[in-house]
Amino acid sequence: MEIVQIIAIVLAAVGAVNWGLVGLFKFDLVALIAGGMKFGAVNVVSRIIYILVAVAGVISLTAIGELA
């Protein structure tokens, strides 16, 4: 597996954990990391994190295709 795919899978997992925290506890880890903002608040840093996680999810899908 390429290093890019491994990084992408880890980022996608982090995104999944964040969504789990949002669903279970209404706690946004990305907002906290990006400047201690309140739940759902968005700034430049959080937008970049969300975009990186989205790209990581798409790259992770290619890794699944290679396993099949």
N, C-alpha and C. Protein backbone atom coordinates (compact mmCIF):
# COMPACT_ATOMS: atom_id res chain seq x y z
N MET A 1 0.85 -1.18 0.00
CA MET A 1 0.00 0.00 0.00
C MET A 1 0.90 1.24 0.00
N GLU A 2 0.56 2.20 -0.80
CA GLU A 2 1.36 3.42 -0.87
C GLU A 2 1.22 4.23 0.41
N ILE A 3 2.23 5.01 0.69
CA ILE A 3 2.21 5.86 1.89
C ILE A 3 1.06 6.86 1.84
N VAL A 4 0.74 7.36 0.64
CA VAL A 4 -0.37 8.32 0.50
C VAL A 4 -1.69 7.66 0.91
N GLN A 5 -1.86 6.40 0.52
CA GLN A 5 -3.09 5.70 0.87
C GLN A 5 -3.17 5.43 2.37
N ILE A 6 -2.05 5.12 2.98
CA ILE A 6 -2.03 4.90 4.43
C ILE A 6 -2.39 6.18 5.17
N ILE A 7 -1.80 7.29 4.76
CA ILE A 7 -2.12 8.58 5.38
C ILE A 7 -3.59 8.91 5.17
N ALA A 8 -4.10 8.63 3.97
CA ALA A 8 -5.50 8.91 3.67
C ALA A 8 -6.43 8.08 4.54
N ILE A 9 -6.09 6.82 4.74
CA ILE A 9 -6.93 5.96 5.58
C ILE A 9 -6.94 6.46 7.02
N VAL A 10 -5.78 6.88 7.52
CA VAL A 10 -5.71 7.42 8.88
C VAL A 10 -6.55 8.69 9.00
N LEU A 11 -6.43 9.59 8.02
CA LEU A 11 -7.23 10.83 8.05
C LEU A 11 -8.72 10.53 7.96
N ALA A 12 -9.09 9.57 7.14
CA ALA A 12 -10.50 9.19 7.03
C ALA A 12 -11.00 8.62 8.35
N ALA A 13 -10.17 7.85 9.03
CA ALA A 13 -10.55 7.32 10.34
C ALA A 13 -10.72 8.44 11.36
N VAL A 14 -9.84 9.43 11.32
CA VAL A 14 -9.97 10.58 12.21
C VAL A 14 -11.29 11.30 11.94
N GLY A 15 -11.62 11.45 10.66
CA GLY A 15 -12.90 12.07 10.30
C GLY A 15 -14.08 11.26 10.81
N ALA A 16 -13.97 9.94 10.73
CA ALA A 16 -15.04 9.08 11.24
C ALA A 16 -15.19 9.22 12.74
N VAL A 17 -14.08 9.30 13.46
CA VAL A 17 -14.13 9.49 14.91
C VAL A 17 -14.78 10.84 15.23
N ASN A 18 -14.42 11.87 14.47
CA ASN A 18 -15.02 13.18 14.71
C ASN A 18 -16.53 13.12 14.53
N TRP A 19 -17.00 12.46 13.46
CA TRP A 19 -18.45 12.34 13.25
C TRP A 19 -19.10 11.52 14.35
N GLY A 20 -18.41 10.52 14.85
CA GLY A 20 -18.93 9.75 15.98
C GLY A 20 -19.09 10.61 17.21
N LEU A 21 -18.10 11.46 17.48
CA LEU A 21 -18.19 12.38 18.61
C LEU A 21 -19.32 13.38 18.43
N VAL A 22 -19.51 13.85 17.21
CA VAL A 22 -20.61 14.77 16.93
C VAL A 22 -21.94 14.09 17.19
N GLY A 23 -22.09 12.86 16.70
CA GLY A 23 -23.35 12.15 16.85
C GLY A 23 -23.65 11.74 18.28
N LEU A 24 -22.63 11.31 19.00
CA LEU A 24 -22.85 10.82 20.36
C LEU A 24 -22.91 11.93 21.41
N PHE A 25 -22.03 12.91 21.27
CA PHE A 25 -21.87 13.89 22.35
C PHE A 25 -22.03 15.35 21.92
N LYS A 26 -22.35 15.57 20.63
CA LYS A 26 -22.42 16.92 20.08
C LYS A 26 -21.12 17.68 20.40
N PHE A 27 -20.00 16.99 20.16
CA PHE A 27 -18.66 17.54 20.40
C PHE A 27 -17.90 17.52 19.08
N ASP A 28 -17.48 18.70 18.61
CA ASP A 28 -16.77 18.83 17.34
C ASP A 28 -15.28 18.95 17.60
N LEU A 29 -14.55 17.84 17.44
CA LEU A 29 -13.12 17.82 17.68
C LEU A 29 -12.37 18.74 16.72
N VAL A 30 -12.80 18.80 15.48
CA VAL A 30 -12.14 19.68 14.49
C VAL A 30 -12.27 21.14 14.92
N ALA A 31 -13.44 21.54 15.38
CA ALA A 31 -13.62 22.93 15.83
C ALA A 31 -12.69 23.22 17.01
N LEU A 32 -12.54 22.27 17.90
CA LEU A 32 -11.66 22.45 19.05
C LEU A 32 -10.20 22.59 18.59
N ILE A 33 -9.77 21.69 17.70
CA ILE A 33 -8.39 21.72 17.21
C ILE A 33 -8.11 23.01 16.43
N ALA A 34 -9.11 23.48 15.70
CA ALA A 34 -8.92 24.64 14.82
C ALA A 34 -9.06 25.97 15.54
N GLY A 35 -9.06 25.97 16.84
CA GLY A 35 -9.08 27.24 17.53
C GLY A 35 -10.04 27.32 18.69
N GLY A 36 -10.50 26.20 19.20
CA GLY A 36 -11.37 26.21 20.36
C GLY A 36 -12.71 26.87 20.12
N MET A 37 -13.18 26.79 18.89
CA MET A 37 -14.45 27.42 18.54
C MET A 37 -15.62 26.60 19.09
N LYS A 38 -16.79 27.21 19.10
CA LYS A 38 -17.97 26.48 19.55
C LYS A 38 -18.39 25.46 18.50
N PHE A 39 -19.27 24.56 18.87
CA PHE A 39 -19.73 23.48 18.01
C PHE A 39 -20.24 24.02 16.67
N GLY A 40 -19.72 23.47 15.59
CA GLY A 40 -20.19 23.82 14.26
C GLY A 40 -19.58 25.08 13.66
N ALA A 41 -18.79 25.81 14.44
CA ALA A 41 -18.16 27.03 13.91
C ALA A 41 -17.07 26.64 12.92
N VAL A 42 -16.92 27.46 11.88
CA VAL A 42 -15.96 27.16 10.82
C VAL A 42 -15.05 28.36 10.61
N ASN A 43 -13.75 28.08 10.48
CA ASN A 43 -12.79 29.10 10.07
C ASN A 43 -11.90 28.50 9.00
N VAL A 44 -10.87 29.20 8.59
CA VAL A 44 -10.01 28.73 7.50
C VAL A 44 -9.35 27.40 7.87
N VAL A 45 -8.85 27.28 9.09
CA VAL A 45 -8.15 26.06 9.50
C VAL A 45 -9.11 24.87 9.49
N SER A 46 -10.30 25.04 10.05
CA SER A 46 -11.25 23.93 10.09
C SER A 46 -11.70 23.54 8.69
N ARG A 47 -11.85 24.52 7.80
CA ARG A 47 -12.23 24.20 6.42
C ARG A 47 -11.16 23.37 5.74
N ILE A 48 -9.90 23.71 5.97
CA ILE A 48 -8.80 22.95 5.39
C ILE A 48 -8.81 21.52 5.93
N ILE A 49 -9.04 21.37 7.24
CA ILE A 49 -9.10 20.02 7.83
C ILE A 49 -10.23 19.23 7.21
N TYR A 50 -11.42 19.84 7.09
CA TYR A 50 -12.56 19.14 6.50
C TYR A 50 -12.28 18.74 5.04
N ILE A 51 -11.63 19.61 4.28
CA ILE A 51 -11.30 19.31 2.89
C ILE A 51 -10.29 18.17 2.82
N LEU A 52 -9.27 18.20 3.68
CA LEU A 52 -8.27 17.11 3.71
C LEU A 52 -8.91 15.77 4.06
N VAL A 53 -9.85 15.77 5.00
CA VAL A 53 -10.53 14.53 5.37
C VAL A 53 -11.39 14.03 4.21
N ALA A 54 -12.05 14.94 3.50
CA ALA A 54 -12.86 14.54 2.35
C ALA A 54 -11.99 13.93 1.25
N VAL A 55 -10.88 14.55 0.95
CA VAL A 55 -9.96 14.02 -0.05
C VAL A 55 -9.42 12.67 0.41
N ALA A 56 -9.12 12.56 1.70
CA ALA A 56 -8.63 11.29 2.24
C ALA A 56 -9.67 10.18 2.07
N GLY A 57 -10.93 10.51 2.25
CA GLY A 57 -11.98 9.52 2.05
C GLY A 57 -12.02 9.01 0.62
N VAL A 58 -11.88 9.91 -0.33
CA VAL A 58 -11.89 9.52 -1.75
C VAL A 58 -10.66 8.65 -2.06
N ILE A 59 -9.50 9.04 -1.56
CA ILE A 59 -8.29 8.26 -1.79
C ILE A 59 -8.43 6.88 -1.14
N SER A 60 -9.05 6.83 0.03
CA SER A 60 -9.25 5.55 0.70
C SER A 60 -10.11 4.61 -0.13
N LEU A 61 -11.05 5.14 -0.88
CA LEU A 61 -11.86 4.32 -1.76
C LEU A 61 -11.02 3.65 -2.83
N THR A 62 -9.98 4.34 -3.29
CA THR A 62 -9.10 3.71 -4.29
C THR A 62 -8.33 2.56 -3.67
N ALA A 63 -8.00 2.67 -2.39
CA ALA A 63 -7.30 1.59 -1.70
C ALA A 63 -8.20 0.35 -1.62
N ILE A 64 -9.47 0.54 -1.42
CA ILE A 64 -10.41 -0.58 -1.38
C ILE A 64 -10.45 -1.27 -2.74
N GLY A 65 -10.44 -0.47 -3.81
CA GLY A 65 -10.45 -1.03 -5.16
C GLY A 65 -9.24 -1.90 -5.44
N GLU A 66 -8.11 -1.55 -4.88
CA GLU A 66 -6.89 -2.33 -5.09
C GLU A 66 -6.91 -3.64 -4.31
N LEU A 67 -7.68 -3.69 -3.24
CA LEU A 67 -7.76 -4.92 -2.44
C LEU A 67 -8.62 -5.98 -3.10
N ALA A 68 -9.57 -5.52 -3.93
CA ALA A 68 -10.50 -6.47 -4.54
C ALA A 68 -9.90 -7.22 -5.70
